[in-house]
Structure formats: C-alpha cells, structure tokens
C-alpha atoms as a PDB file:
ATOM      1  CA  UNK A   1     130.751  81.070 101.445  1.00  0.00           C
ATOM      2  CA  UNK A   2     131.720  82.261 104.930  1.00  0.00           C
ATOM      3  CA  UNK A   3     134.271  84.643 103.416  1.00  0.00           C
ATOM      4  CA  UNK A   4     131.605  86.180 101.154  1.00  0.00           C
ATOM      5  CA  UNK A   5     129.246  86.592 104.110  1.00  0.00           C
ATOM      6  CA  UNK A   6     131.968  88.257 106.192  1.00  0.00           C
ATOM      7  CA  UNK A   7     132.765  90.694 103.376  1.00  0.00           C
ATOM      8  CA  UNK A   8     129.057  91.460 102.964  1.00  0.00           C
ATOM      9  CA  UNK A   9     128.598  92.015 106.715  1.00  0.00           C
ATOM     10  CA  UNK A  10     131.642  94.287 107.010  1.00  0.00           C
ATOM     11  CA  UNK A  11     130.720  96.404 103.980  1.00  0.00           C
ATOM     12  CA  UNK A  12     127.106  96.715 105.143  1.00  0.00           C
ATOM     13  CA  UNK A  13     128.060  97.762 108.680  1.00  0.00           C
ATOM     14  CA  UNK A  14     130.664 100.270 107.436  1.00  0.00           C
ATOM     15  CA  UNK A  15     128.095 101.792 105.057  1.00  0.00           C
ATOM     16  CA  UNK A  16     125.478 101.918 107.813  1.00  0.00           C
ATOM     17  CA  UNK A  17     127.903 103.583 110.244  1.00  0.00           C
ATOM     18  CA  UNK A  18     128.721 106.187 107.602  1.00  0.00           C
ATOM     19  CA  UNK A  19     124.999 106.808 107.046  1.00  0.00           C
ATOM     20  CA  UNK A  20     124.455 107.020 110.810  1.00  0.00           C
ATOM     21  CA  UNK A  21     127.170 109.671 111.109  1.00  0.00           C
ATOM     22  CA  UNK A  22     125.670 111.577 108.168  1.00  0.00           C
ATOM     23  CA  UNK A  23     122.201 111.367 109.734  1.00  0.00           C
ATOM     24  CA  UNK A  24     123.460 112.750 113.040  1.00  0.00           C
ATOM     25  CA  UNK A  25     125.198 115.619 111.229  1.00  0.00           C
ATOM     26  CA  UNK A  26     122.003 116.417 109.333  1.00  0.00           C
ATOM     27  CA  UNK A  27     120.042 116.526 112.603  1.00  0.00           C
ATOM     28  CA  UNK A  28     122.557 118.529 114.631  1.00  0.00           C
ATOM     29  CA  UNK A  29     124.073 120.768 111.946  1.00  0.00           C
ATOM     30  CA  UNK A  30     121.695 120.592 109.004  1.00  0.00           C
ATOM     31  CA  UNK A  31     122.740 123.796 107.213  1.00  0.00           C
ATOM     32  CA  UNK A  32     126.465 123.181 107.655  1.00  0.00           C
ATOM     33  CA  UNK A  33     126.137 119.588 106.431  1.00  0.00           C
ATOM     34  CA  UNK A  34     124.188 120.609 103.322  1.00  0.00           C
ATOM     35  CA  UNK A  35     126.840 123.245 102.591  1.00  0.00           C
ATOM     36  CA  UNK A  36     129.604 120.658 103.023  1.00  0.00           C
ATOM     37  CA  UNK A  37     127.855 118.129 100.774  1.00  0.00           C
ATOM     38  CA  UNK A  38     127.253 120.843  98.166  1.00  0.00           C
ATOM     39  CA  UNK A  39     130.908 121.884  98.187  1.00  0.00           C
ATOM     40  CA  UNK A  40     132.092 118.284  97.876  1.00  0.00           C
ATOM     41  CA  UNK A  41     129.705 117.490  94.992  1.00  0.00           C
ATOM     42  CA  UNK A  42     130.507 120.798  93.294  1.00  0.00           C
ATOM     43  CA  UNK A  43     134.253 120.241  93.659  1.00  0.00           C
ATOM     44  CA  UNK A  44     133.970 116.707  92.236  1.00  0.00           C
ATOM     45  CA  UNK A  45     131.968 117.974  89.236  1.00  0.00           C
ATOM     46  CA  UNK A  46     134.486 120.756  88.574  1.00  0.00           C
ATOM     47  CA  UNK A  47     137.391 118.308  88.862  1.00  0.00           C
ATOM     48  CA  UNK A  48     135.702 115.927  86.395  1.00  0.00           C
ATOM     49  CA  UNK A  49     135.107 118.830  84.021  1.00  0.00           C
ATOM     50  CA  UNK A  50     138.732 119.988  84.198  1.00  0.00           C
ATOM     51  CA  UNK A  51     139.970 116.430  83.602  1.00  0.00           C
ATOM     52  CA  UNK A  52     137.690 116.117  80.558  1.00  0.00           C
ATOM     53  CA  UNK A  53     139.037 119.365  79.099  1.00  0.00           C
ATOM     54  CA  UNK A  54     142.634 118.285  79.749  1.00  0.00           C
ATOM     55  CA  UNK A  55     141.871 114.970  78.074  1.00  0.00           C
ATOM     56  CA  UNK A  56     140.471 116.863  75.063  1.00  0.00           C
ATOM     57  CA  UNK A  57     143.535 119.124  74.803  1.00  0.00           C
ATOM     58  CA  UNK A  58     145.973 116.206  75.034  1.00  0.00           C
ATOM     59  CA  UNK A  59     144.156 114.004  72.524  1.00  0.00           C
ATOM     60  CA  UNK A  60     144.125 114.580  68.779  1.00  0.00           C
ATOM     61  CA  UNK A  61     141.472 111.962  68.096  1.00  0.00           C
ATOM     62  CA  UNK A  62     137.995 113.020  66.980  1.00  0.00           C
ATOM     63  CA  UNK A  63     136.592 110.556  69.513  1.00  0.00           C
ATOM     64  CA  UNK A  64     137.390 113.034  72.302  1.00  0.00           C
ATOM     65  CA  UNK A  65     135.734 116.107  70.755  1.00  0.00           C
ATOM     66  CA  UNK A  66     132.703 115.728  73.013  1.00  0.00           C
ATOM     67  CA  UNK A  67     134.966 115.924  76.072  1.00  0.00           C
ATOM     68  CA  UNK A  68     135.227 119.703  75.714  1.00  0.00           C
ATOM     69  CA  UNK A  69     131.419 120.012  75.833  1.00  0.00           C
ATOM     70  CA  UNK A  70     131.172 117.548  78.732  1.00  0.00           C
ATOM     71  CA  UNK A  71     133.945 119.369  80.579  1.00  0.00           C
ATOM     72  CA  UNK A  72     132.398 122.832  80.222  1.00  0.00           C
ATOM     73  CA  UNK A  73     128.889 121.631  81.164  1.00  0.00           C
ATOM     74  CA  UNK A  74     130.221 119.712  84.177  1.00  0.00           C
ATOM     75  CA  UNK A  75     132.226 122.694  85.427  1.00  0.00           C
ATOM     76  CA  UNK A  76     129.169 124.963  85.080  1.00  0.00           C
ATOM     77  CA  UNK A  77     127.061 122.422  87.024  1.00  0.00           C
ATOM     78  CA  UNK A  78     129.744 122.239  89.721  1.00  0.00           C
ATOM     79  CA  UNK A  79     129.781 126.018  90.138  1.00  0.00           C
ATOM     80  CA  UNK A  80     125.967 126.144  90.251  1.00  0.00           C
ATOM     81  CA  UNK A  81     125.882 123.442  92.942  1.00  0.00           C
ATOM     82  CA  UNK A  82     128.417 125.329  95.071  1.00  0.00           C
ATOM     83  CA  UNK A  83     126.590 128.629  94.594  1.00  0.00           C
ATOM     84  CA  UNK A  84     123.152 127.106  95.304  1.00  0.00           C
ATOM     85  CA  UNK A  85     123.467 124.553  98.139  1.00  0.00           C
ATOM     86  CA  UNK A  86     119.667 124.566  98.635  1.00  0.00           C
ATOM     87  CA  UNK A  87     119.360 122.730  95.317  1.00  0.00           C
ATOM     88  CA  UNK A  88     121.252 119.808  96.828  1.00  0.00           C
ATOM     89  CA  UNK A  89     119.030 120.029  99.904  1.00  0.00           C
ATOM     90  CA  UNK A  90     115.982 119.520  97.701  1.00  0.00           C
ATOM     91  CA  UNK A  91     117.521 116.642  95.739  1.00  0.00           C
ATOM     92  CA  UNK A  92     118.870 114.671  98.713  1.00  0.00           C
ATOM     93  CA  UNK A  93     115.457 113.378  99.922  1.00  0.00           C
ATOM     94  CA  UNK A  94     114.666 111.826  96.532  1.00  0.00           C
ATOM     95  CA  UNK A  95     118.126 110.282  96.046  1.00  0.00           C
ATOM     96  CA  UNK A  96     118.273 108.865  99.588  1.00  0.00           C
ATOM     97  CA  UNK A  97     114.667 107.650  99.312  1.00  0.00           C
ATOM     98  CA  UNK A  98     115.333 105.770  96.065  1.00  0.00           C
ATOM     99  CA  UNK A  99     118.463 104.216  97.587  1.00  0.00           C
ATOM    100  CA  UNK A 100     116.521 103.037 100.641  1.00  0.00           C
ATOM    101  CA  UNK A 101     113.712 101.631  98.464  1.00  0.00           C
ATOM    102  CA  UNK A 102     116.206  99.629  96.388  1.00  0.00           C
ATOM    103  CA  UNK A 103     117.846  98.280  99.546  1.00  0.00           C
ATOM    104  CA  UNK A 104     114.480  97.433 101.109  1.00  0.00           C
ATOM    105  CA  UNK A 105     113.604  95.464  97.966  1.00  0.00           C
ATOM    106  CA  UNK A 106     116.808  93.468  98.406  1.00  0.00           C
ATOM    107  CA  UNK A 107     115.968  92.838 102.065  1.00  0.00           C
ATOM    108  CA  UNK A 108     112.474  91.696 101.091  1.00  0.00           C
ATOM    109  CA  UNK A 109     114.014  89.095  98.791  1.00  0.00           C
ATOM    110  CA  UNK A 110     116.322  87.984 101.632  1.00  0.00           C
ATOM    111  CA  UNK A 111     113.291  87.661 103.922  1.00  0.00           C
ATOM    112  CA  UNK A 112     111.408  85.492 101.414  1.00  0.00           C
ATOM    113  CA  UNK A 113     114.499  83.317 100.845  1.00  0.00           C
ATOM    114  CA  UNK A 114     114.904  82.904 104.604  1.00  0.00           C
ATOM    115  CA  UNK A 115     111.230  81.970 104.892  1.00  0.00           C
ATOM    116  CA  UNK A 116     111.626  79.311 102.193  1.00  0.00           C
ATOM    117  CA  UNK A 117     114.551  77.894 104.173  1.00  0.00           C
ATOM    118  CA  UNK A 118     112.407  77.967 107.329  1.00  0.00           C
ATOM    119  CA  UNK A 119     114.710  80.412 109.117  1.00  0.00           C
ATOM    120  CA  UNK A 120     113.118  82.099 112.136  1.00  0.00           C
ATOM    121  CA  UNK A 121     114.893  85.406 111.466  1.00  0.00           C
ATOM    122  CA  UNK A 122     112.889  85.956 108.243  1.00  0.00           C
ATOM    123  CA  UNK A 123     110.112  87.754 110.166  1.00  0.00           C
ATOM    124  CA  UNK A 124     112.482  90.359 111.565  1.00  0.00           C
ATOM    125  CA  UNK A 125     114.119  90.848 108.156  1.00  0.00           C
ATOM    126  CA  UNK A 126     110.663  91.333 106.621  1.00  0.00           C
ATOM    127  CA  UNK A 127     109.749  93.942 109.257  1.00  0.00           C
ATOM    128  CA  UNK A 128     113.008  95.831 108.586  1.00  0.00           C
ATOM    129  CA  UNK A 129     112.307  95.710 104.828  1.00  0.00           C
ATOM    130  CA  UNK A 130     108.770  97.076 105.275  1.00  0.00           C
ATOM    131  CA  UNK A 131     109.872  99.880 107.627  1.00  0.00           C
ATOM    132  CA  UNK A 132     112.719 100.770 105.260  1.00  0.00           C
ATOM    133  CA  UNK A 133     110.304 100.870 102.311  1.00  0.00           C
ATOM    134  CA  UNK A 134     107.956 103.208 104.224  1.00  0.00           C
ATOM    135  CA  UNK A 135     110.876 105.506 105.079  1.00  0.00           C
ATOM    136  CA  UNK A 136     112.001 105.446 101.439  1.00  0.00           C
ATOM    137  CA  UNK A 137     108.536 106.335 100.134  1.00  0.00           C
ATOM    138  CA  UNK A 138     108.318 109.129 102.721  1.00  0.00           C
ATOM    139  CA  UNK A 139     111.524 110.676 101.397  1.00  0.00           C
ATOM    140  CA  UNK A 140     110.716 110.196  97.695  1.00  0.00           C
ATOM    141  CA  UNK A 141     107.330 111.923  97.920  1.00  0.00           C
ATOM    142  CA  UNK A 142     108.709 114.408 100.478  1.00  0.00           C
ATOM    143  CA  UNK A 143     105.555 115.810 102.164  1.00  0.00           C
ATOM    144  CA  UNK A 144     107.559 118.302 104.236  1.00  0.00           C
ATOM    145  CA  UNK A 145     107.618 121.996 103.387  1.00  0.00           C
ATOM    146  CA  UNK A 146     110.303 123.794 105.384  1.00  0.00           C
ATOM    147  CA  UNK A 147     113.847 123.154 104.131  1.00  0.00           C
ATOM    148  CA  UNK A 148     115.333 122.909 107.624  1.00  0.00           C
ATOM    149  CA  UNK A 149     112.613 120.443 108.637  1.00  0.00           C
ATOM    150  CA  UNK A 150     113.285 118.374 105.509  1.00  0.00           C
ATOM    151  CA  UNK A 151     116.968 118.094 106.354  1.00  0.00           C
ATOM    152  CA  UNK A 152     116.303 117.117 109.978  1.00  0.00           C
ATOM    153  CA  UNK A 153     113.667 114.556 108.943  1.00  0.00           C
ATOM    154  CA  UNK A 154     116.155 113.124 106.440  1.00  0.00           C
ATOM    155  CA  UNK A 155     118.706 112.879 109.249  1.00  0.00           C
ATOM    156  CA  UNK A 156     116.255 111.024 111.500  1.00  0.00           C
ATOM    157  CA  UNK A 157     115.199 108.672 108.696  1.00  0.00           C
ATOM    158  CA  UNK A 158     118.822 107.917 107.783  1.00  0.00           C
ATOM    159  CA  UNK A 159     119.697 107.216 111.447  1.00  0.00           C
ATOM    160  CA  UNK A 160     116.707 104.874 111.912  1.00  0.00           C
ATOM    161  CA  UNK A 161     117.464 103.096 108.649  1.00  0.00           C
ATOM    162  CA  UNK A 162     121.178 102.725 109.493  1.00  0.00           C
ATOM    163  CA  UNK A 163     120.418 101.286 112.950  1.00  0.00           C
ATOM    164  CA  UNK A 164     117.858  98.845 111.543  1.00  0.00           C
ATOM    165  CA  UNK A 165     120.330  97.797 108.860  1.00  0.00           C
ATOM    166  CA  UNK A 166     123.082  97.163 111.423  1.00  0.00           C
ATOM    167  CA  UNK A 167     120.807  95.114 113.700  1.00  0.00           C
ATOM    168  CA  UNK A 168     119.412  93.128 110.754  1.00  0.00           C
ATOM    169  CA  UNK A 169     122.904  92.395 109.417  1.00  0.00           C
ATOM    170  CA  UNK A 170     124.173  91.269 112.830  1.00  0.00           C
ATOM    171  CA  UNK A 171     121.194  88.921 113.249  1.00  0.00           C
ATOM    172  CA  UNK A 172     121.750  87.436 109.798  1.00  0.00           C
ATOM    173  CA  UNK A 173     125.461  87.023 110.552  1.00  0.00           C
ATOM    174  CA  UNK A 174     124.704  85.198 113.822  1.00  0.00           C
ATOM    175  CA  UNK A 175     122.224  82.935 112.056  1.00  0.00           C
ATOM    176  CA  UNK A 176     124.640  82.022 109.269  1.00  0.00           C
ATOM    177  CA  UNK A 177     127.444  81.463 111.812  1.00  0.00           C
ATOM    178  CA  UNK A 178     125.206  79.137 113.830  1.00  0.00           C
ATOM    179  CA  UNK A 179     124.210  77.186 110.711  1.00  0.00           C
ATOM    180  CA  UNK A 180     127.845  76.953 109.644  1.00  0.00           C
ATOM    181  CA  UNK A 181     128.867  75.608 113.063  1.00  0.00           C
ATOM    182  CA  UNK A 182     126.069  73.006 112.979  1.00  0.00           C
ATOM    183  CA  UNK A 183     127.086  71.972 109.457  1.00  0.00           C
ATOM    184  CA  UNK A 184     130.749  71.647 110.466  1.00  0.00           C
ATOM    185  CA  UNK A 185     129.750  69.623 113.524  1.00  0.00           C
ATOM    186  CA  UNK A 186     127.659  67.269 111.342  1.00  0.00           C
ATOM    187  CA  UNK A 187     130.521  66.835 108.872  1.00  0.00           C
ATOM    188  CA  UNK A 188     132.957  66.077 111.700  1.00  0.00           C
ATOM    189  CA  UNK A 189     130.530  63.561 113.197  1.00  0.00           C
ATOM    190  CA  UNK A 190     130.178  61.809 109.829  1.00  0.00           C
ATOM    191  CA  UNK A 191     133.954  61.760 109.343  1.00  0.00           C
ATOM    192  CA  UNK A 192     134.467  60.355 112.846  1.00  0.00           C
ATOM    193  CA  UNK A 193     131.832  57.698 112.162  1.00  0.00           C
ATOM    194  CA  UNK A 194     133.501  56.712 108.885  1.00  0.00           C
ATOM    195  CA  UNK A 195     136.901  56.492 110.585  1.00  0.00           C
ATOM    196  CA  UNK A 196     135.373  54.323 113.313  1.00  0.00           C
ATOM    197  CA  UNK A 197     133.890  51.974 110.710  1.00  0.00           C
ATOM    198  CA  UNK A 198     137.271  51.705 108.953  1.00  0.00           C
ATOM    199  CA  UNK A 199     138.974  50.810 112.241  1.00  0.00           C
ATOM    200  CA  UNK A 200     136.437  48.053 112.777  1.00  0.00           C
END
C-alpha cells in the first residue's frame, strides 16, 4: 500500500512540476511557447503519418489498406498545425480545462472518502477540488477574447492548479505516513504484548 502511495505521490508531483514549468513559459513567453507546442504536435502527427505509410508499403495484407489514408490525413494535419500555431492556441484552453475538470472530479472523490474515514485533511482536499473545478470551467468556456490574454490566463491557471496539486498531494502523503506509523506502532505493541504473555 505504501509503495502504491509513493508511486502516486511521485508521479503527481512530477506532473505538477511539468505543468508549473509550462504555465510559467506561457506567462513569460506565450507566443514562443505556443509555437513550440505547435511544432512538437505537428512533428508528432507527421511522424505518425509517415510510420503509417511505411507500415502500409511493407505490409501486403488488406488489413493495412486504411493505413495509407490515415498516414496522408495525419501528415496533412501535422503540416496544418505547424503552419497555423494559433489553432493550437485556441484548442489548448479546452483541452487543459477538460483535464483539470477530470482531475478535480477525482479529488472530490478523494475528499468524500477522506470525510467518510473522518480524516481532517478532507476539507482542504475538497477546497482544492472546488477551486480546480472552477479553473477548469473557466478554461472550457473560455470567456477571454484576445489570444495573448488567453495564453497568459492559461499559464496563470496552470500554475495555480499545479501548486494546489503539489500542496494537496504533500498533505495527503503526510497524513497517510502518519496513519501508517500509528498502525505499525499498534502492531508492534500487540506483538510485544503477545510475546510478554507467552513468556509468562
């Protein structure tokens, strides 16, 4: 159980640190970051398209006939993404918002589970879930007009979300560690008691 919690904590913190770095880049260098993201996504799409075409050319099976269509369409999409980075800029708010909403739903479930177990940290987890949900809704419906403002707002939202996620994860980790230590202490006390009774 402790191993699973440690893996969860590490993966969550690493993801949050990555999001924090991305958020800072979006705030400080919004245009350059959007361009970089567009190039990366475009390059990945083109690479997938080329691989699909190669797979089609190497295979003689009819099962792979659709790969040529998939490959061509994917390459075209990759080129369009690279040539039109603003398209990515308009899609990012929705994608990030949906991701945050899904994560906030997970945190809400954690909060309710913690409440059922009478854990004091459930209130903080609930607050983080609610704030995250508000930030997610804000990005999904995207009330901002100017593209540069959108990107900077996204950066701020991502930074706030990442920081909240890190703090929430650390608190949960401390709580689980404390419970684990208490449980181990109780087990040791019981074992010592049983050994004492055997000696008698």
